[in-house]
Amino acid sequence: MVKITQYKWAGKKWFLKIKSTCEECDITTSILKNMMKKEFKDKDVAFETKPWLDNIFYCLWQRAWHPPIIMVNNKKFYQFSKRHPLFDRQKLKQTVLLIIKEGKIT
């Protein structure tokens, strides 16, 4: 199974709690859910969202610090930047289908 994980601007750690929302995260979630219905329908692909702050050390370990962050099979695929506010949908599709084709499924 190919696992797509999105880390959103949310969560709590120690005494910190994120109370604000993130428009970019919400847009990314909508796009990914749409891809699950269309591009990855009937494919061995799973999608999950996780709060960024709860998983901050894991994200930093993967060299991803700015949500929204998208991981494919636990490898960084995308993180938000002002230069690239949205991820490349076609590139994600190609990446996932290539993993399925080559059998590099976790």
Protein backbone atom coordinates (compact mmCIF):
# COMPACT_ATOMS: atom_id res chain seq x y z
CA MET A 1 0.00 0.00 0.00
CA VAL A 2 1.18 3.52 -0.79
CA LYS A 3 0.60 5.82 2.17
CA ILE A 4 0.10 9.56 1.68
CA THR A 5 0.31 11.50 4.93
CA GLN A 6 -0.47 15.18 5.30
CA TYR A 7 0.77 17.11 8.32
CA LYS A 8 -1.53 20.07 8.97
CA TRP A 9 -1.13 23.23 11.03
CA ALA A 10 -2.74 21.81 14.17
CA GLY A 11 -1.96 19.94 17.34
CA LYS A 12 -0.52 20.35 20.80
CA LYS A 13 2.82 19.65 22.42
CA TRP A 14 3.68 20.25 26.07
CA PHE A 15 2.20 23.68 26.90
CA LEU A 16 1.72 24.78 23.26
CA LYS A 17 -1.51 24.42 21.31
CA ILE A 18 -2.28 25.61 17.79
CA LYS A 19 -5.62 27.38 17.85
CA SER A 20 -5.64 29.04 14.43
CA THR A 21 -6.59 27.46 11.13
CA CYS A 22 -4.53 27.19 7.96
CA GLU A 23 -6.16 27.92 4.62
CA GLU A 24 -3.34 26.25 2.67
CA CYS A 25 -3.71 23.09 4.76
CA ASP A 26 -7.46 22.99 4.13
CA ILE A 27 -6.96 23.43 0.38
CA THR A 28 -4.29 20.71 0.35
CA THR A 29 -6.60 18.34 2.22
CA SER A 30 -9.41 18.99 -0.27
CA ILE A 31 -7.11 18.34 -3.24
CA LEU A 32 -5.77 15.12 -1.71
CA LYS A 33 -9.28 13.84 -0.90
CA ASN A 34 -10.32 14.61 -4.48
CA MET A 35 -7.30 12.71 -5.79
CA MET A 36 -8.24 9.72 -3.64
CA LYS A 37 -11.71 9.70 -5.24
CA LYS A 38 -10.50 10.22 -8.82
CA GLU A 39 -6.85 9.43 -9.57
CA PHE A 40 -6.34 6.75 -6.91
CA LYS A 41 -9.77 5.14 -6.98
CA ASP A 42 -9.41 1.33 -6.84
CA LYS A 43 -5.65 1.67 -6.24
CA ASP A 44 -3.79 0.48 -3.16
CA VAL A 45 -3.37 4.01 -1.77
CA ALA A 46 -4.24 5.28 1.72
CA PHE A 47 -4.51 8.89 2.87
CA GLU A 48 -4.26 10.23 6.40
CA THR A 49 -3.87 13.61 8.06
CA LYS A 50 -1.93 14.24 11.21
CA PRO A 51 -1.40 17.34 13.35
CA TRP A 52 1.96 18.94 12.66
CA LEU A 53 2.77 20.07 16.19
CA ASP A 54 2.16 16.59 17.64
CA ASN A 55 4.64 15.24 15.09
CA ILE A 56 7.07 18.17 14.90
CA PHE A 57 10.20 16.15 15.67
CA TYR A 58 9.41 13.55 13.02
CA CYS A 59 8.75 16.30 10.45
CA LEU A 60 11.99 18.08 11.34
CA TRP A 61 13.84 14.76 11.06
CA GLN A 62 12.48 14.49 7.51
CA ARG A 63 13.65 18.08 6.83
CA ALA A 64 10.09 19.35 6.65
CA TRP A 65 9.21 22.25 8.91
CA HIS A 66 6.42 24.26 7.28
CA PRO A 67 2.92 22.78 7.03
CA PRO A 68 1.18 21.68 5.00
CA ILE A 69 3.60 18.82 4.50
CA ILE A 70 2.94 15.79 2.32
CA MET A 71 4.82 12.54 2.84
CA VAL A 72 4.62 9.57 0.49
CA ASN A 73 5.62 6.34 2.19
CA ASN A 74 7.28 8.39 4.95
CA LYS A 75 9.44 10.44 2.58
CA LYS A 76 8.95 14.16 2.08
CA PHE A 77 7.15 14.93 -1.15
CA TYR A 78 6.12 18.54 -0.50
CA GLN A 79 6.17 21.29 2.08
CA PHE A 80 4.56 24.69 1.76
CA SER A 81 6.55 27.67 0.60
CA LYS A 82 5.52 31.11 -0.64
CA ARG A 83 7.15 30.32 -4.00
CA HIS A 84 5.15 27.08 -4.37
CA PRO A 85 1.95 27.46 -2.35
CA LEU A 86 0.34 24.37 -3.92
CA PHE A 87 1.90 21.01 -4.61
CA ASP A 88 2.13 19.60 -8.13
CA ARG A 89 -0.89 17.29 -8.39
CA GLN A 90 0.37 15.62 -11.58
CA LYS A 91 3.77 14.94 -10.04
CA LEU A 92 2.14 13.33 -6.99
CA LYS A 93 0.02 11.14 -9.25
CA GLN A 94 3.09 10.07 -11.24
CA THR A 95 5.07 9.38 -8.06
CA VAL A 96 2.36 7.21 -6.51
CA LEU A 97 1.66 5.28 -9.71
CA LEU A 98 5.38 4.67 -10.22
CA ILE A 99 5.70 3.28 -6.69
CA ILE A 100 2.76 0.96 -7.36
CA LYS A 101 4.20 -0.10 -10.73
CA GLU A 102 7.67 -0.80 -9.36
CA GLY A 103 6.26 -2.62 -6.36
CA LYS A 104 8.04 -0.41 -3.83
CA ILE A 105 5.06 -0.50 -1.56
CA THR A 106 5.50 -0.34 2.20
